[in-house]
């Protein structure tokens, strides 16, 4: 039975941002499940906590057999790292994309001030959000990310929760192979070498000309990295089982 894949979205988006990757995985016969985190997508209105987000990933993996390859981008990447450190038995491999910067309190405070200003706009920033979506994403990516709606009110809650995130410490605890995937122009790749050094079994992939939303900006390249990563993990596991059976 092939290894299933669970995908975790970024801040203010939803599971629909992964439609291109889900289609590609299903075409090669892999089961793929994209989740909505609390406060996002079909779960807008639910409170977001890091613990509840980790529980969401754990429950999704239980639903596909108890073990999976996990993919997360931005917020989803931080959640996936935390989940893998806390539930190692569930994770065969991990792609942590666009999350190679520590959530320093000074940075979080600055983003919080900006988010508060946007939240005071009459439409809570909906038009501004749509402007940036249309500006930075290709047409299909913009349609995918918009399909599940935008969690415009989730930002403050998420930023508060991120103050307790410890991605470097968590990466150091993960025994499964980890792929750090960043766009070349991603503002979240500033500490990628420290993140790579923290991994027990890590590798770094930088996608040329891509920005923060790398899976949407460069879907073909990102999907190729993902498919190759899942294949590598599955081949290694098969080789391990064969060696044990001899």
Protein backbone atom coordinates (compact mmCIF):
# COMPACT_ATOMS: atom_id res chain seq x y z
CA UNK A 1 0.00 0.00 0.00
CA UNK A 2 1.44 3.38 -1.02
CA UNK A 3 2.27 6.02 1.57
CA UNK A 4 -0.55 8.60 1.98
CA UNK A 5 0.13 12.33 2.10
CA UNK A 6 -1.41 14.93 4.44
CA UNK A 7 -1.12 18.61 3.47
CA UNK A 8 -1.38 21.60 5.82
CA UNK A 9 -2.16 25.11 4.53
CA UNK A 10 -0.81 28.55 5.43
CA UNK A 11 -2.24 31.45 7.40
CA UNK A 12 -5.64 32.79 6.23
CA UNK A 13 -5.91 30.21 3.44
CA UNK A 14 -7.49 26.74 3.48
CA UNK A 15 -7.11 23.21 2.20
CA UNK A 16 -8.03 24.33 -1.33
CA UNK A 17 -4.60 25.89 -1.79
CA UNK A 18 -3.32 22.31 -2.30
CA UNK A 19 -5.65 21.36 -5.17
CA UNK A 20 -2.82 21.08 -7.74
CA UNK A 21 -0.75 18.87 -5.47
CA UNK A 22 -3.72 16.69 -4.48
CA UNK A 23 -4.52 16.10 -8.16
CA UNK A 24 -0.90 15.20 -8.92
CA UNK A 25 -0.66 12.80 -5.99
CA UNK A 26 -3.91 11.10 -6.88
CA UNK A 27 -2.79 10.72 -10.51
CA UNK A 28 0.14 8.59 -9.35
CA UNK A 29 -2.09 6.51 -7.08
CA UNK A 30 -1.39 8.13 -3.72
CA UNK A 31 -4.07 9.05 -1.23
CA UNK A 32 -3.87 12.77 -0.43
CA UNK A 33 -5.77 14.62 2.29
CA UNK A 34 -5.59 18.39 2.72
CA UNK A 35 -6.90 19.64 6.07
CA UNK A 36 -8.47 22.86 7.29
CA UNK A 37 -6.83 24.18 10.45
CA UNK A 38 -9.00 25.66 13.22
CA UNK A 39 -10.15 29.17 12.32
CA UNK A 40 -9.72 28.57 8.58
CA UNK A 41 -11.72 27.28 5.63
CA UNK A 42 -14.63 25.13 6.74
CA UNK A 43 -13.60 25.77 10.37
CA UNK A 44 -13.75 29.58 10.39
CA UNK A 45 -14.98 30.71 13.78
CA UNK A 46 -13.18 27.97 15.70
CA UNK A 47 -10.37 29.21 17.97
CA UNK A 48 -6.86 28.55 16.69
CA UNK A 49 -4.19 27.16 18.97
CA UNK A 50 -0.99 25.36 18.06
CA UNK A 51 -2.16 22.36 20.05
CA UNK A 52 -5.49 22.20 18.20
CA UNK A 53 -3.65 22.56 14.89
CA UNK A 54 -1.32 19.69 15.79
CA UNK A 55 -4.37 17.64 16.80
CA UNK A 56 -5.92 18.34 13.40
CA UNK A 57 -2.90 16.86 11.63
CA UNK A 58 -2.80 13.89 13.98
CA UNK A 59 -6.48 13.15 13.40
CA UNK A 60 -6.06 13.38 9.62
CA UNK A 61 -3.19 10.90 9.74
CA UNK A 62 -5.22 8.52 11.88
CA UNK A 63 -7.89 8.75 9.21
CA UNK A 64 -5.51 7.54 6.49
CA UNK A 65 -4.08 4.63 8.44
CA UNK A 66 -1.94 6.11 11.20
CA UNK A 67 1.20 7.06 9.25
CA UNK A 68 1.78 9.50 6.41
CA UNK A 69 4.12 11.86 4.61
CA UNK A 70 3.27 15.37 5.84
CA UNK A 71 3.52 18.63 3.88
CA UNK A 72 3.08 22.10 5.36
CA UNK A 73 3.59 25.62 4.04
CA UNK A 74 4.22 28.74 6.13
CA UNK A 75 1.93 28.41 9.17
CA UNK A 76 1.24 24.86 8.02
CA UNK A 77 4.97 24.19 7.96
CA UNK A 78 5.42 25.30 11.56
CA UNK A 79 2.42 23.19 12.57
CA UNK A 80 3.78 20.17 10.67
CA UNK A 81 7.19 20.50 12.35
CA UNK A 82 5.58 20.70 15.78
CA UNK A 83 3.36 17.71 14.99
CA UNK A 84 6.29 15.59 13.77
CA UNK A 85 8.23 16.31 16.97
CA UNK A 86 5.27 15.31 19.13
CA UNK A 87 3.95 12.38 17.08
CA UNK A 88 7.04 10.80 15.46
CA UNK A 89 5.29 7.48 14.97
CA UNK A 90 2.85 9.15 12.55
CA UNK A 91 5.40 10.80 10.25
CA UNK A 92 7.34 8.96 7.54
CA UNK A 93 8.72 12.16 6.04
CA UNK A 94 8.13 15.89 6.06
CA UNK A 95 8.18 18.81 3.63
CA UNK A 96 8.34 22.06 5.60
CA UNK A 97 7.99 24.87 3.08
CA UNK A 98 8.31 28.62 3.53
CA UNK A 99 8.93 28.41 7.28
CA UNK A 100 12.69 28.75 7.72
CA UNK A 101 12.62 31.72 10.08
CA UNK A 102 12.15 31.57 13.83
CA UNK A 103 9.01 33.32 15.09
CA UNK A 104 10.89 36.00 17.02
CA UNK A 105 8.70 38.02 19.37
CA UNK A 106 9.84 41.35 17.85
CA UNK A 107 8.82 40.21 14.36
CA UNK A 108 5.51 38.85 15.61
CA UNK A 109 4.79 42.12 17.40
CA UNK A 110 5.46 44.09 14.22
CA UNK A 111 3.20 41.87 12.15
CA UNK A 112 0.54 42.16 14.85
CA UNK A 113 0.55 45.95 14.64
CA UNK A 114 0.15 45.78 10.87
CA UNK A 115 -2.63 43.22 11.16
CA UNK A 116 -4.49 45.39 13.65
CA UNK A 117 -4.42 48.29 11.20
CA UNK A 118 -5.73 46.15 8.36
CA UNK A 119 -8.47 44.71 10.59
CA UNK A 120 -9.79 48.23 11.20
CA UNK A 121 -10.53 48.75 7.51
CA UNK A 122 -14.27 48.72 6.64
CA UNK A 123 -13.93 45.39 4.80
CA UNK A 124 -11.36 44.02 7.31
CA UNK A 125 -8.77 44.00 4.54
CA UNK A 126 -10.64 41.86 2.03
CA UNK A 127 -9.88 44.09 -0.97
CA UNK A 128 -6.25 44.50 0.04
CA UNK A 129 -5.91 40.75 0.42
CA UNK A 130 -7.47 40.15 -3.00
CA UNK A 131 -5.18 42.75 -4.57
CA UNK A 132 -2.10 40.89 -3.38
CA UNK A 133 -3.51 37.50 -4.37
CA UNK A 134 -4.16 38.76 -7.91
CA UNK A 135 -0.79 40.49 -8.04
CA UNK A 136 1.52 37.72 -6.88
CA UNK A 137 -0.17 34.47 -7.95
CA UNK A 138 -0.81 32.94 -11.37
CA UNK A 139 -4.47 32.64 -12.35
CA UNK A 140 -4.88 28.98 -11.36
CA UNK A 141 -3.09 29.48 -8.06
CA UNK A 142 -5.22 32.51 -7.24
CA UNK A 143 -8.37 30.51 -7.98
CA UNK A 144 -7.24 27.59 -5.83
CA UNK A 145 -6.33 29.72 -2.82
CA UNK A 146 -9.58 31.71 -3.05
CA UNK A 147 -11.83 28.66 -3.40
CA UNK A 148 -11.91 27.96 0.33
CA UNK A 149 -12.27 31.60 1.35
CA UNK A 150 -9.90 33.72 3.41
CA UNK A 151 -9.71 33.70 7.20
CA UNK A 152 -9.28 37.45 7.53
CA UNK A 153 -9.85 37.42 11.29
CA UNK A 154 -7.42 34.62 12.14
CA UNK A 155 -4.17 36.58 12.05
CA UNK A 156 -4.04 37.98 15.57
CA UNK A 157 -4.90 34.66 17.17
CA UNK A 158 -2.28 32.84 15.12
CA UNK A 159 0.42 35.41 15.89
CA UNK A 160 -0.26 35.07 19.61
CA UNK A 161 0.08 31.31 19.39
CA UNK A 162 3.28 31.49 17.37
CA UNK A 163 5.07 33.08 20.33
CA UNK A 164 5.33 29.60 21.86
CA UNK A 165 6.50 27.84 18.69
CA UNK A 166 9.98 26.28 18.88
CA UNK A 167 10.78 25.06 15.35
CA UNK A 168 14.55 24.61 15.80
CA UNK A 169 14.13 22.52 18.93
CA UNK A 170 11.36 20.54 17.26
CA UNK A 171 13.42 19.85 14.13
CA UNK A 172 16.22 18.49 16.28
CA UNK A 173 13.81 15.87 17.65
CA UNK A 174 12.51 14.65 14.28
CA UNK A 175 14.10 11.42 13.06
CA UNK A 176 12.12 11.25 9.79
CA UNK A 177 13.72 12.83 6.71
CA UNK A 178 12.88 16.51 6.29
CA UNK A 179 12.81 18.63 3.15
CA UNK A 180 13.01 22.40 3.69
CA UNK A 181 11.57 23.99 0.53
CA UNK A 182 11.78 27.76 0.01
CA UNK A 183 11.24 30.15 -2.84
CA UNK A 184 14.40 32.05 -3.79
CA UNK A 185 12.64 35.33 -2.98
CA UNK A 186 10.89 34.14 0.17
CA UNK A 187 11.20 36.53 3.11
CA UNK A 188 10.84 33.50 5.41
CA UNK A 189 14.07 31.81 4.33
CA UNK A 190 16.40 34.04 6.36
CA UNK A 191 17.47 31.28 8.77
CA UNK A 192 17.27 28.31 6.43
CA UNK A 193 20.86 27.24 7.14
CA UNK A 194 20.17 27.14 10.88
CA UNK A 195 16.99 25.16 10.22
CA UNK A 196 18.89 22.73 8.00
CA UNK A 197 21.63 22.32 10.62
CA UNK A 198 18.98 21.54 13.23
CA UNK A 199 17.64 18.60 11.19
CA UNK A 200 18.86 15.10 11.93
CA UNK A 201 18.17 14.06 8.34
CA UNK A 202 17.51 17.21 6.32
CA UNK A 203 17.94 18.66 2.89
CA UNK A 204 17.27 22.14 1.49
CA UNK A 205 15.57 22.91 -1.81
CA UNK A 206 15.44 26.51 -3.07
CA UNK A 207 13.03 27.06 -5.96
CA UNK A 208 14.36 29.69 -8.42
CA UNK A 209 12.28 32.84 -8.98
CA UNK A 210 9.62 31.69 -6.51
CA UNK A 211 8.31 33.72 -3.58
CA UNK A 212 6.75 32.80 -0.24
CA UNK A 213 3.72 30.90 -1.59
CA UNK A 214 6.03 28.56 -3.47
CA UNK A 215 3.49 25.77 -4.06
CA UNK A 216 1.14 28.26 -5.76
CA UNK A 217 3.73 30.37 -7.57
CA UNK A 218 5.72 27.40 -8.89
CA UNK A 219 3.30 24.47 -8.61
CA UNK A 220 5.02 22.17 -11.13
CA UNK A 221 8.45 22.53 -9.52
CA UNK A 222 7.07 22.22 -5.99
CA UNK A 223 5.01 19.17 -6.89
CA UNK A 224 8.02 17.50 -8.49
CA UNK A 225 10.02 17.99 -5.29
CA UNK A 226 7.12 16.56 -3.27
CA UNK A 227 6.62 13.51 -5.48
CA UNK A 228 10.35 12.75 -5.47
CA UNK A 229 10.50 13.14 -1.69
CA UNK A 230 7.61 10.76 -1.08
CA UNK A 231 9.08 8.22 -3.52
CA UNK A 232 12.46 8.43 -1.77
CA UNK A 233 10.95 7.81 1.65
CA UNK A 234 8.91 4.88 0.39
CA UNK A 235 11.91 3.31 -1.36
CA UNK A 236 14.02 3.67 1.79
CA UNK A 237 11.33 2.04 3.89
CA UNK A 238 10.96 -0.85 1.44
CA UNK A 239 14.72 -1.38 1.44
CA UNK A 240 14.72 -1.38 5.24
CA UNK A 241 11.94 -3.96 5.39
CA UNK A 242 13.75 -6.15 2.85
CA UNK A 243 16.99 -6.00 4.86
CA UNK A 244 15.18 -6.95 8.07
CA UNK A 245 13.42 -9.91 6.43
CA UNK A 246 16.68 -11.47 5.20
